[in-house]
N, C-alpha and C. Protein backbone atom coordinates (compact mmCIF):
# COMPACT_ATOMS: atom_id res chain seq x y z
N MET A 1 -60.75 -11.66 35.46
CA MET A 1 -60.84 -12.12 34.08
C MET A 1 -60.76 -10.94 33.10
N ARG A 2 -61.46 -9.88 33.45
CA ARG A 2 -61.47 -8.71 32.58
C ARG A 2 -60.06 -8.11 32.48
N LYS A 3 -59.35 -8.13 33.59
CA LYS A 3 -57.99 -7.59 33.63
C LYS A 3 -57.08 -8.39 32.69
N ILE A 4 -57.23 -9.69 32.67
CA ILE A 4 -56.43 -10.55 31.79
C ILE A 4 -56.74 -10.25 30.33
N LEU A 5 -58.00 -10.06 29.99
CA LEU A 5 -58.39 -9.73 28.62
C LEU A 5 -57.81 -8.38 28.18
N VAL A 6 -57.86 -7.41 29.06
CA VAL A 6 -57.31 -6.09 28.74
C VAL A 6 -55.80 -6.18 28.52
N ILE A 7 -55.10 -6.89 29.39
CA ILE A 7 -53.65 -7.06 29.25
C ILE A 7 -53.34 -7.80 27.95
N GLY A 8 -54.10 -8.83 27.65
CA GLY A 8 -53.91 -9.59 26.41
C GLY A 8 -54.13 -8.71 25.18
N ALA A 9 -55.16 -7.88 25.20
CA ALA A 9 -55.43 -6.99 24.07
C ALA A 9 -54.31 -5.97 23.89
N VAL A 10 -53.82 -5.43 24.99
CA VAL A 10 -52.72 -4.46 24.91
C VAL A 10 -51.46 -5.13 24.36
N LEU A 11 -51.14 -6.32 24.82
CA LEU A 11 -49.96 -7.03 24.32
C LEU A 11 -50.10 -7.37 22.84
N LEU A 12 -51.27 -7.78 22.42
CA LEU A 12 -51.51 -8.09 21.01
C LEU A 12 -51.34 -6.84 20.16
N PHE A 13 -51.88 -5.72 20.61
CA PHE A 13 -51.73 -4.47 19.89
C PHE A 13 -50.25 -4.08 19.80
N ALA A 14 -49.55 -4.16 20.90
CA ALA A 14 -48.13 -3.79 20.92
C ALA A 14 -47.32 -4.67 19.97
N TYR A 15 -47.61 -5.95 19.98
CA TYR A 15 -46.90 -6.88 19.09
C TYR A 15 -47.14 -6.53 17.63
N SER A 16 -48.41 -6.32 17.28
CA SER A 16 -48.73 -6.04 15.87
C SER A 16 -48.25 -4.67 15.45
N ALA A 17 -48.19 -3.73 16.36
CA ALA A 17 -47.77 -2.38 16.01
C ALA A 17 -46.27 -2.23 15.86
N PHE A 18 -45.49 -3.00 16.61
CA PHE A 18 -44.06 -2.75 16.65
C PHE A 18 -43.19 -3.87 16.10
N CYS A 19 -43.73 -4.99 15.77
CA CYS A 19 -42.91 -6.09 15.25
C CYS A 19 -42.90 -6.05 13.74
N GLN A 20 -41.76 -6.39 13.18
CA GLN A 20 -41.64 -6.42 11.73
C GLN A 20 -42.24 -7.69 11.18
N ASP A 21 -42.93 -7.55 10.06
CA ASP A 21 -43.44 -8.71 9.35
C ASP A 21 -42.29 -9.38 8.63
N GLU A 22 -42.52 -10.60 8.21
CA GLU A 22 -41.54 -11.31 7.39
C GLU A 22 -41.51 -10.68 5.99
N ILE A 23 -40.38 -10.79 5.33
CA ILE A 23 -40.27 -10.30 3.96
C ILE A 23 -41.09 -11.21 3.06
N LYS A 24 -41.86 -10.63 2.16
CA LYS A 24 -42.68 -11.41 1.23
C LYS A 24 -41.85 -11.69 -0.03
N TYR A 25 -41.30 -12.89 -0.08
CA TYR A 25 -40.42 -13.24 -1.20
C TYR A 25 -41.19 -13.59 -2.47
N ARG A 26 -42.49 -13.62 -2.41
CA ARG A 26 -43.32 -13.90 -3.60
C ARG A 26 -44.35 -12.80 -3.81
N HIS A 27 -43.96 -11.57 -3.55
CA HIS A 27 -44.87 -10.43 -3.72
C HIS A 27 -45.23 -10.28 -5.19
N LYS A 28 -46.47 -9.91 -5.47
CA LYS A 28 -46.95 -9.84 -6.85
C LYS A 28 -46.15 -8.85 -7.71
N SER A 29 -45.62 -7.79 -7.11
CA SER A 29 -44.85 -6.83 -7.90
C SER A 29 -43.55 -7.43 -8.43
N ILE A 30 -43.03 -8.44 -7.76
CA ILE A 30 -41.81 -9.12 -8.22
C ILE A 30 -42.11 -9.83 -9.54
N PHE A 31 -43.23 -10.53 -9.59
CA PHE A 31 -43.61 -11.25 -10.81
C PHE A 31 -43.87 -10.28 -11.97
N LYS A 32 -44.53 -9.16 -11.68
CA LYS A 32 -44.81 -8.16 -12.72
C LYS A 32 -43.51 -7.58 -13.28
N GLU A 33 -42.58 -7.28 -12.39
CA GLU A 33 -41.32 -6.68 -12.83
C GLU A 33 -40.45 -7.69 -13.58
N LEU A 34 -40.46 -8.96 -13.17
CA LEU A 34 -39.72 -9.99 -13.91
C LEU A 34 -40.24 -10.11 -15.33
N LYS A 35 -41.54 -10.03 -15.47
CA LYS A 35 -42.15 -10.12 -16.80
C LYS A 35 -41.78 -8.90 -17.64
N LYS A 36 -41.85 -7.73 -17.04
CA LYS A 36 -41.58 -6.48 -17.76
C LYS A 36 -40.10 -6.32 -18.12
N VAL A 37 -39.22 -6.56 -17.16
CA VAL A 37 -37.80 -6.29 -17.34
C VAL A 37 -37.05 -7.43 -18.01
N ALA A 38 -37.40 -8.67 -17.65
CA ALA A 38 -36.63 -9.83 -18.14
C ALA A 38 -37.43 -10.77 -19.03
N GLN A 39 -38.67 -10.42 -19.33
CA GLN A 39 -39.55 -11.25 -20.15
C GLN A 39 -39.69 -12.67 -19.60
N ILE A 40 -39.67 -12.79 -18.29
CA ILE A 40 -39.84 -14.09 -17.64
C ILE A 40 -41.29 -14.18 -17.16
N GLU A 41 -42.05 -15.06 -17.82
CA GLU A 41 -43.47 -15.17 -17.52
C GLU A 41 -43.78 -16.29 -16.52
N ASN A 42 -42.99 -17.34 -16.53
CA ASN A 42 -43.18 -18.47 -15.63
C ASN A 42 -41.91 -18.70 -14.81
N PRO A 43 -41.67 -17.85 -13.82
CA PRO A 43 -40.39 -17.91 -13.10
C PRO A 43 -40.23 -19.14 -12.21
N VAL A 44 -39.01 -19.64 -12.22
CA VAL A 44 -38.60 -20.71 -11.30
C VAL A 44 -37.47 -20.10 -10.46
N PHE A 45 -37.69 -20.05 -9.15
CA PHE A 45 -36.75 -19.43 -8.23
C PHE A 45 -35.84 -20.48 -7.60
N ASN A 46 -34.53 -20.28 -7.69
CA ASN A 46 -33.56 -21.12 -7.00
C ASN A 46 -32.73 -20.23 -6.09
N GLU A 47 -32.85 -20.47 -4.78
CA GLU A 47 -32.13 -19.63 -3.82
C GLU A 47 -30.63 -19.85 -3.93
N ILE A 48 -29.89 -18.75 -3.87
CA ILE A 48 -28.43 -18.78 -3.89
C ILE A 48 -27.95 -18.64 -2.46
N ASN A 49 -27.15 -19.58 -2.01
CA ASN A 49 -26.62 -19.51 -0.65
C ASN A 49 -25.42 -18.58 -0.59
N ILE A 50 -25.45 -17.69 0.37
CA ILE A 50 -24.36 -16.74 0.58
C ILE A 50 -23.51 -17.27 1.74
N PRO A 51 -22.21 -17.48 1.51
CA PRO A 51 -21.35 -17.97 2.60
C PRO A 51 -21.33 -17.00 3.78
N ASP A 52 -21.27 -17.54 4.97
CA ASP A 52 -21.22 -16.72 6.18
C ASP A 52 -20.04 -15.75 6.16
N SER A 53 -18.96 -16.16 5.53
CA SER A 53 -17.76 -15.32 5.48
C SER A 53 -18.01 -14.01 4.72
N MET A 54 -19.01 -13.99 3.86
CA MET A 54 -19.32 -12.78 3.09
C MET A 54 -20.23 -11.82 3.85
N ASN A 55 -20.81 -12.29 4.90
CA ASN A 55 -21.72 -11.46 5.68
C ASN A 55 -20.92 -10.78 6.79
N SER A 56 -20.10 -9.81 6.40
CA SER A 56 -19.16 -9.18 7.34
C SER A 56 -19.84 -8.46 8.49
N GLN A 57 -21.02 -7.90 8.26
CA GLN A 57 -21.69 -7.18 9.33
C GLN A 57 -22.49 -8.11 10.23
N GLY A 58 -22.68 -9.34 9.81
CA GLY A 58 -23.42 -10.29 10.62
C GLY A 58 -24.92 -10.03 10.65
N TYR A 59 -25.39 -9.17 9.76
CA TYR A 59 -26.80 -8.81 9.77
C TYR A 59 -27.29 -8.73 8.33
N PHE A 60 -27.86 -9.80 7.86
CA PHE A 60 -28.26 -9.91 6.46
C PHE A 60 -29.76 -10.18 6.41
N GLN A 61 -30.52 -9.25 5.86
CA GLN A 61 -31.97 -9.40 5.78
C GLN A 61 -32.40 -9.52 4.33
N GLY A 62 -32.33 -10.69 3.79
CA GLY A 62 -32.76 -10.86 2.42
C GLY A 62 -32.26 -12.17 1.84
N LYS A 63 -32.61 -12.38 0.57
CA LYS A 63 -32.19 -13.59 -0.13
C LYS A 63 -31.87 -13.27 -1.58
N PHE A 64 -30.91 -14.02 -2.12
CA PHE A 64 -30.58 -13.97 -3.53
C PHE A 64 -31.21 -15.17 -4.22
N PHE A 65 -31.65 -14.97 -5.45
CA PHE A 65 -32.22 -16.06 -6.24
C PHE A 65 -31.66 -16.00 -7.65
N SER A 66 -31.53 -17.17 -8.24
CA SER A 66 -31.35 -17.29 -9.67
C SER A 66 -32.74 -17.57 -10.21
N VAL A 67 -33.18 -16.79 -11.18
CA VAL A 67 -34.55 -16.94 -11.69
C VAL A 67 -34.50 -17.26 -13.17
N ALA A 68 -35.11 -18.38 -13.52
CA ALA A 68 -35.18 -18.79 -14.92
C ALA A 68 -36.65 -18.90 -15.31
N ASP A 69 -36.89 -18.86 -16.60
CA ASP A 69 -38.25 -19.03 -17.10
C ASP A 69 -38.48 -20.51 -17.36
N LYS A 70 -39.59 -21.00 -16.85
CA LYS A 70 -39.93 -22.42 -17.00
C LYS A 70 -40.01 -22.83 -18.47
N THR A 71 -40.44 -21.90 -19.32
CA THR A 71 -40.68 -22.24 -20.72
C THR A 71 -39.72 -21.59 -21.70
N GLY A 72 -38.80 -20.76 -21.22
CA GLY A 72 -37.93 -20.05 -22.15
C GLY A 72 -36.51 -19.96 -21.66
N PRO A 73 -35.67 -19.26 -22.44
CA PRO A 73 -34.25 -19.19 -22.13
C PRO A 73 -33.87 -18.11 -21.11
N GLY A 74 -34.79 -17.26 -20.70
CA GLY A 74 -34.45 -16.14 -19.82
C GLY A 74 -33.90 -16.58 -18.48
N LYS A 75 -32.87 -15.86 -18.01
CA LYS A 75 -32.33 -16.11 -16.67
C LYS A 75 -31.77 -14.80 -16.13
N VAL A 76 -32.13 -14.50 -14.89
CA VAL A 76 -31.64 -13.31 -14.21
C VAL A 76 -31.36 -13.66 -12.76
N TYR A 77 -30.77 -12.70 -12.07
CA TYR A 77 -30.57 -12.83 -10.63
C TYR A 77 -31.50 -11.84 -9.95
N LEU A 78 -31.93 -12.22 -8.76
CA LEU A 78 -32.89 -11.41 -8.03
C LEU A 78 -32.45 -11.33 -6.58
N TYR A 79 -32.44 -10.13 -6.05
CA TYR A 79 -32.21 -9.95 -4.62
C TYR A 79 -33.48 -9.34 -4.04
N ILE A 80 -33.99 -9.94 -2.97
CA ILE A 80 -35.14 -9.41 -2.26
C ILE A 80 -34.69 -9.21 -0.82
N GLY A 81 -34.82 -7.98 -0.33
CA GLY A 81 -34.32 -7.73 1.01
C GLY A 81 -34.98 -6.56 1.70
N ARG A 82 -34.48 -6.29 2.87
CA ARG A 82 -35.03 -5.26 3.75
C ARG A 82 -33.93 -4.28 4.15
N VAL A 83 -34.29 -3.01 4.17
CA VAL A 83 -33.40 -1.96 4.65
C VAL A 83 -34.06 -1.33 5.86
N ASN A 84 -33.36 -1.31 6.97
CA ASN A 84 -33.89 -0.65 8.17
C ASN A 84 -33.66 0.85 8.05
N SER A 85 -34.65 1.58 8.50
CA SER A 85 -34.61 3.03 8.49
C SER A 85 -34.78 3.50 9.92
N CYS A 86 -35.10 4.74 10.12
CA CYS A 86 -35.30 5.26 11.48
C CYS A 86 -36.75 5.60 11.71
N ARG A 87 -37.20 5.39 12.91
CA ARG A 87 -38.52 5.88 13.30
C ARG A 87 -38.43 7.39 13.42
N ALA A 88 -39.57 8.05 13.30
CA ALA A 88 -39.58 9.49 13.49
C ALA A 88 -38.98 9.79 14.86
N GLY A 89 -37.86 10.49 14.88
CA GLY A 89 -37.17 10.79 16.12
C GLY A 89 -36.36 9.63 16.65
N GLY A 90 -36.36 8.50 15.93
CA GLY A 90 -35.72 7.29 16.44
C GLY A 90 -34.23 7.20 16.20
N CYS A 91 -33.72 7.88 15.18
CA CYS A 91 -32.28 7.81 14.90
C CYS A 91 -31.48 8.39 16.04
N SER A 92 -32.00 9.46 16.62
CA SER A 92 -31.28 10.09 17.72
C SER A 92 -31.89 9.73 19.07
N ALA A 93 -32.89 8.86 19.05
CA ALA A 93 -33.53 8.44 20.30
C ALA A 93 -32.57 7.54 21.08
N PRO A 94 -32.75 7.47 22.39
CA PRO A 94 -31.91 6.57 23.19
C PRO A 94 -31.99 5.14 22.67
N LEU A 95 -30.90 4.41 22.76
CA LEU A 95 -30.84 3.05 22.25
C LEU A 95 -31.94 2.17 22.83
N SER A 96 -32.23 2.32 24.10
CA SER A 96 -33.25 1.47 24.73
C SER A 96 -34.61 1.68 24.09
N LEU A 97 -34.94 2.92 23.69
CA LEU A 97 -36.23 3.18 23.05
C LEU A 97 -36.29 2.53 21.69
N SER A 98 -35.23 2.71 20.87
CA SER A 98 -35.26 2.14 19.54
C SER A 98 -35.23 0.62 19.57
N GLU A 99 -34.64 0.02 20.61
CA GLU A 99 -34.66 -1.44 20.73
C GLU A 99 -36.06 -1.93 21.08
N ASP A 100 -36.77 -1.16 21.90
CA ASP A 100 -38.11 -1.57 22.32
C ASP A 100 -39.11 -1.56 21.17
N ILE A 101 -39.06 -0.54 20.33
CA ILE A 101 -40.07 -0.42 19.28
C ILE A 101 -39.55 -0.87 17.92
N GLY A 102 -38.28 -1.05 17.78
CA GLY A 102 -37.71 -1.53 16.54
C GLY A 102 -37.64 -0.44 15.48
N PRO A 103 -36.80 -0.64 14.48
CA PRO A 103 -36.66 0.37 13.44
C PRO A 103 -37.80 0.30 12.43
N GLU A 104 -37.97 1.37 11.70
CA GLU A 104 -38.86 1.33 10.55
C GLU A 104 -38.05 0.68 9.43
N TYR A 105 -38.70 0.26 8.40
CA TYR A 105 -38.00 -0.47 7.35
C TYR A 105 -38.74 -0.37 6.04
N PHE A 106 -38.06 -0.82 4.98
CA PHE A 106 -38.75 -1.03 3.71
C PHE A 106 -38.14 -2.25 3.03
N ASP A 107 -38.98 -2.94 2.27
CA ASP A 107 -38.57 -4.12 1.51
C ASP A 107 -38.47 -3.72 0.04
N TYR A 108 -37.47 -4.25 -0.62
CA TYR A 108 -37.29 -3.93 -2.04
C TYR A 108 -36.66 -5.12 -2.75
N PHE A 109 -36.63 -5.04 -4.07
CA PHE A 109 -35.94 -6.08 -4.84
C PHE A 109 -35.16 -5.44 -5.97
N ILE A 110 -34.12 -6.18 -6.40
CA ILE A 110 -33.28 -5.78 -7.52
C ILE A 110 -33.25 -6.94 -8.50
N ILE A 111 -33.42 -6.66 -9.77
CA ILE A 111 -33.25 -7.66 -10.82
C ILE A 111 -31.94 -7.34 -11.52
N LEU A 112 -31.05 -8.34 -11.59
CA LEU A 112 -29.74 -8.16 -12.20
C LEU A 112 -29.54 -9.18 -13.31
N ASP A 113 -28.82 -8.79 -14.36
CA ASP A 113 -28.55 -9.72 -15.45
C ASP A 113 -27.32 -10.58 -15.13
N SER A 114 -26.87 -11.35 -16.08
CA SER A 114 -25.76 -12.29 -15.85
C SER A 114 -24.43 -11.59 -15.56
N THR A 115 -24.33 -10.29 -15.87
CA THR A 115 -23.11 -9.54 -15.58
C THR A 115 -23.24 -8.74 -14.28
N CYS A 116 -24.29 -9.00 -13.53
CA CYS A 116 -24.59 -8.28 -12.27
C CYS A 116 -24.87 -6.80 -12.50
N THR A 117 -25.47 -6.51 -13.63
CA THR A 117 -25.92 -5.15 -13.93
C THR A 117 -27.39 -5.04 -13.58
N ILE A 118 -27.75 -4.01 -12.86
CA ILE A 118 -29.15 -3.84 -12.45
C ILE A 118 -30.02 -3.53 -13.66
N ARG A 119 -31.10 -4.31 -13.79
CA ARG A 119 -32.07 -4.13 -14.88
C ARG A 119 -33.40 -3.61 -14.37
N GLY A 120 -33.66 -3.81 -13.09
CA GLY A 120 -34.91 -3.33 -12.51
C GLY A 120 -34.79 -3.27 -11.00
N ILE A 121 -35.53 -2.34 -10.40
CA ILE A 121 -35.51 -2.19 -8.95
C ILE A 121 -36.84 -1.60 -8.52
N ARG A 122 -37.33 -2.07 -7.39
CA ARG A 122 -38.59 -1.53 -6.87
C ARG A 122 -38.68 -1.73 -5.37
N VAL A 123 -39.22 -0.72 -4.68
CA VAL A 123 -39.56 -0.82 -3.27
C VAL A 123 -41.02 -1.26 -3.24
N PHE A 124 -41.31 -2.39 -2.57
CA PHE A 124 -42.67 -2.92 -2.60
C PHE A 124 -43.38 -2.93 -1.25
N ASN A 125 -42.69 -2.59 -0.19
CA ASN A 125 -43.31 -2.57 1.14
C ASN A 125 -42.62 -1.51 1.97
N TYR A 126 -43.20 -0.31 2.01
CA TYR A 126 -42.56 0.81 2.71
C TYR A 126 -43.25 1.00 4.04
N GLN A 127 -42.56 0.71 5.13
CA GLN A 127 -43.13 0.79 6.48
C GLN A 127 -42.39 1.82 7.31
N ALA A 128 -42.32 3.03 6.81
CA ALA A 128 -41.67 4.12 7.53
C ALA A 128 -42.52 5.37 7.42
N THR A 129 -42.33 6.28 8.34
CA THR A 129 -43.15 7.49 8.36
C THR A 129 -42.59 8.60 7.49
N HIS A 130 -41.31 8.56 7.17
CA HIS A 130 -40.69 9.58 6.34
C HIS A 130 -39.90 8.91 5.22
N GLY A 131 -39.62 9.67 4.18
CA GLY A 131 -38.73 9.20 3.13
C GLY A 131 -39.37 8.40 2.03
N GLN A 132 -40.68 8.54 1.83
CA GLN A 132 -41.35 7.76 0.80
C GLN A 132 -40.83 8.05 -0.61
N GLY A 133 -40.05 9.11 -0.76
CA GLY A 133 -39.50 9.43 -2.08
C GLY A 133 -38.67 8.31 -2.68
N VAL A 134 -38.11 7.44 -1.85
CA VAL A 134 -37.30 6.33 -2.38
C VAL A 134 -38.16 5.28 -3.07
N THR A 135 -39.47 5.36 -2.95
CA THR A 135 -40.33 4.40 -3.63
C THR A 135 -40.67 4.83 -5.05
N ALA A 136 -40.37 6.06 -5.41
CA ALA A 136 -40.72 6.59 -6.73
C ALA A 136 -39.93 5.89 -7.83
N ARG A 137 -40.65 5.39 -8.82
CA ARG A 137 -39.99 4.68 -9.93
C ARG A 137 -38.96 5.56 -10.64
N GLY A 138 -39.31 6.84 -10.82
CA GLY A 138 -38.39 7.76 -11.48
C GLY A 138 -37.08 7.89 -10.73
N TRP A 139 -37.15 7.93 -9.40
CA TRP A 139 -35.93 8.04 -8.61
C TRP A 139 -35.15 6.72 -8.65
N LEU A 140 -35.84 5.60 -8.59
CA LEU A 140 -35.17 4.29 -8.59
C LEU A 140 -34.50 3.98 -9.92
N LYS A 141 -34.96 4.59 -11.02
CA LYS A 141 -34.36 4.35 -12.34
C LYS A 141 -32.88 4.72 -12.39
N GLN A 142 -32.45 5.58 -11.45
CA GLN A 142 -31.04 5.97 -11.41
C GLN A 142 -30.11 4.78 -11.22
N PHE A 143 -30.62 3.72 -10.61
CA PHE A 143 -29.80 2.56 -10.31
C PHE A 143 -29.71 1.57 -11.48
N VAL A 144 -30.62 1.69 -12.44
CA VAL A 144 -30.60 0.78 -13.59
C VAL A 144 -29.31 1.03 -14.36
N GLY A 145 -28.58 -0.04 -14.62
CA GLY A 145 -27.29 0.04 -15.29
C GLY A 145 -26.11 -0.03 -14.33
N PHE A 146 -26.37 0.09 -13.02
CA PHE A 146 -25.28 0.00 -12.04
C PHE A 146 -24.77 -1.44 -11.97
N ASN A 147 -23.44 -1.58 -12.00
CA ASN A 147 -22.84 -2.91 -11.94
C ASN A 147 -21.72 -3.02 -10.91
N GLY A 148 -21.61 -2.02 -10.06
CA GLY A 148 -20.59 -2.05 -9.02
C GLY A 148 -19.24 -1.52 -9.45
N SER A 149 -19.11 -1.06 -10.68
CA SER A 149 -17.81 -0.60 -11.16
C SER A 149 -17.50 0.84 -10.76
N TYR A 150 -18.45 1.53 -10.18
CA TYR A 150 -18.23 2.88 -9.69
C TYR A 150 -18.98 3.05 -8.37
N LYS A 151 -18.67 4.12 -7.67
CA LYS A 151 -19.27 4.35 -6.36
C LYS A 151 -20.57 5.13 -6.49
N LEU A 152 -21.60 4.68 -5.80
CA LEU A 152 -22.87 5.40 -5.75
C LEU A 152 -22.79 6.40 -4.60
N GLU A 153 -23.08 7.67 -4.88
CA GLU A 153 -23.03 8.69 -3.84
C GLU A 153 -24.22 9.62 -3.94
N ALA A 154 -24.93 9.76 -2.83
CA ALA A 154 -26.07 10.68 -2.77
C ALA A 154 -25.57 12.10 -2.97
N GLY A 155 -26.26 12.84 -3.82
CA GLY A 155 -25.89 14.22 -4.09
C GLY A 155 -24.87 14.37 -5.20
N LYS A 156 -24.29 13.26 -5.64
CA LYS A 156 -23.32 13.31 -6.74
C LYS A 156 -23.91 12.59 -7.96
N ASN A 157 -23.89 11.25 -7.95
CA ASN A 157 -24.46 10.53 -9.09
C ASN A 157 -25.82 9.91 -8.76
N ILE A 158 -26.28 10.10 -7.54
CA ILE A 158 -27.63 9.69 -7.13
C ILE A 158 -28.30 10.91 -6.50
N ASP A 159 -29.49 11.25 -6.97
CA ASP A 159 -30.21 12.41 -6.43
C ASP A 159 -30.54 12.21 -4.97
N SER A 160 -30.34 13.27 -4.19
CA SER A 160 -30.77 13.26 -2.79
C SER A 160 -32.26 13.56 -2.76
N ILE A 161 -32.91 13.17 -1.68
CA ILE A 161 -34.33 13.45 -1.50
C ILE A 161 -34.50 14.13 -0.15
N SER A 162 -35.03 15.33 -0.17
CA SER A 162 -35.26 16.06 1.07
C SER A 162 -36.23 15.29 1.95
N GLY A 163 -35.86 15.08 3.19
CA GLY A 163 -36.70 14.35 4.14
C GLY A 163 -36.53 12.85 4.08
N ALA A 164 -35.63 12.38 3.22
CA ALA A 164 -35.44 10.93 3.08
C ALA A 164 -33.97 10.55 3.15
N THR A 165 -33.19 11.33 3.86
CA THR A 165 -31.74 11.11 3.90
C THR A 165 -31.39 9.70 4.37
N VAL A 166 -32.00 9.24 5.44
CA VAL A 166 -31.68 7.92 5.99
C VAL A 166 -32.06 6.83 5.00
N SER A 167 -33.24 6.93 4.40
CA SER A 167 -33.68 5.92 3.43
C SER A 167 -32.79 5.91 2.19
N VAL A 168 -32.43 7.10 1.70
CA VAL A 168 -31.56 7.20 0.53
C VAL A 168 -30.20 6.55 0.82
N LEU A 169 -29.59 6.94 1.92
CA LEU A 169 -28.28 6.37 2.26
C LEU A 169 -28.37 4.87 2.52
N GLY A 170 -29.47 4.43 3.12
CA GLY A 170 -29.66 3.01 3.39
C GLY A 170 -29.77 2.18 2.13
N ILE A 171 -30.58 2.64 1.18
CA ILE A 171 -30.76 1.85 -0.05
C ILE A 171 -29.49 1.90 -0.91
N ILE A 172 -28.81 3.04 -0.95
CA ILE A 172 -27.56 3.13 -1.71
C ILE A 172 -26.54 2.14 -1.15
N SER A 173 -26.37 2.14 0.15
CA SER A 173 -25.42 1.23 0.78
C SER A 173 -25.79 -0.23 0.53
N ASP A 174 -27.07 -0.55 0.65
CA ASP A 174 -27.51 -1.93 0.45
C ASP A 174 -27.32 -2.37 -0.99
N ILE A 175 -27.62 -1.51 -1.95
CA ILE A 175 -27.45 -1.85 -3.36
C ILE A 175 -25.98 -2.11 -3.67
N ARG A 176 -25.10 -1.24 -3.18
CA ARG A 176 -23.66 -1.44 -3.40
C ARG A 176 -23.21 -2.78 -2.82
N GLN A 177 -23.61 -3.02 -1.57
CA GLN A 177 -23.19 -4.24 -0.88
C GLN A 177 -23.73 -5.49 -1.57
N LYS A 178 -24.99 -5.50 -1.93
CA LYS A 178 -25.59 -6.70 -2.51
C LYS A 178 -25.10 -6.97 -3.92
N THR A 179 -24.83 -5.91 -4.69
CA THR A 179 -24.27 -6.10 -6.03
C THR A 179 -22.87 -6.72 -5.92
N LYS A 180 -22.08 -6.22 -5.00
CA LYS A 180 -20.73 -6.75 -4.78
C LYS A 180 -20.80 -8.21 -4.33
N MET A 181 -21.69 -8.51 -3.40
CA MET A 181 -21.85 -9.89 -2.91
C MET A 181 -22.19 -10.85 -4.04
N LEU A 182 -23.18 -10.48 -4.84
CA LEU A 182 -23.61 -11.36 -5.92
C LEU A 182 -22.47 -11.59 -6.91
N LYS A 183 -21.74 -10.54 -7.25
CA LYS A 183 -20.60 -10.70 -8.16
C LYS A 183 -19.61 -11.72 -7.62
N GLN A 184 -19.31 -11.64 -6.33
CA GLN A 184 -18.35 -12.56 -5.73
C GLN A 184 -18.87 -13.99 -5.73
N VAL A 185 -20.16 -14.16 -5.54
CA VAL A 185 -20.73 -15.51 -5.47
C VAL A 185 -20.79 -16.18 -6.84
N ILE A 186 -21.15 -15.43 -7.88
CA ILE A 186 -21.35 -16.07 -9.19
C ILE A 186 -20.08 -16.15 -10.02
N GLN A 187 -19.02 -15.47 -9.60
CA GLN A 187 -17.78 -15.53 -10.39
C GLN A 187 -16.81 -16.53 -9.83
């Protein structure tokens, strides 16, 4: 009996330590940022369906929403998603190891106006051991005003962050891809 309890405890620990949580699509920071950036105090979320044909990589971790204010004229678009990063030593680790423990990740959201121009962005759940610099509001402000009409490049028009190369490249790629996707869906 004791052996079963020990095995159960070890399995529970392993599951909680290495499995990714679900993305919190109603995180309190989303509501705060909608109020601050778009003056939406009573948001109503309507999920936007993305056609399978647009998911070229076959791996889409997030959702798009049209967000309107229950009591006012405000309307914006919102993307809430996850970017996978690397575990310490995991990017170059053997594939079998990284499959067993899973990647590190962070969850973030983008608020876009009717022209698909970014009005606000925030990382709200950072679950990685390196690269926390991508959570800094000052660094994220670089993306405000981006509408997909030019290329985002680390070290050129987006500041690089020492020790956060994978996170920087991951969020840049995801922002480009999601802005392009939304433009295609709403036009």
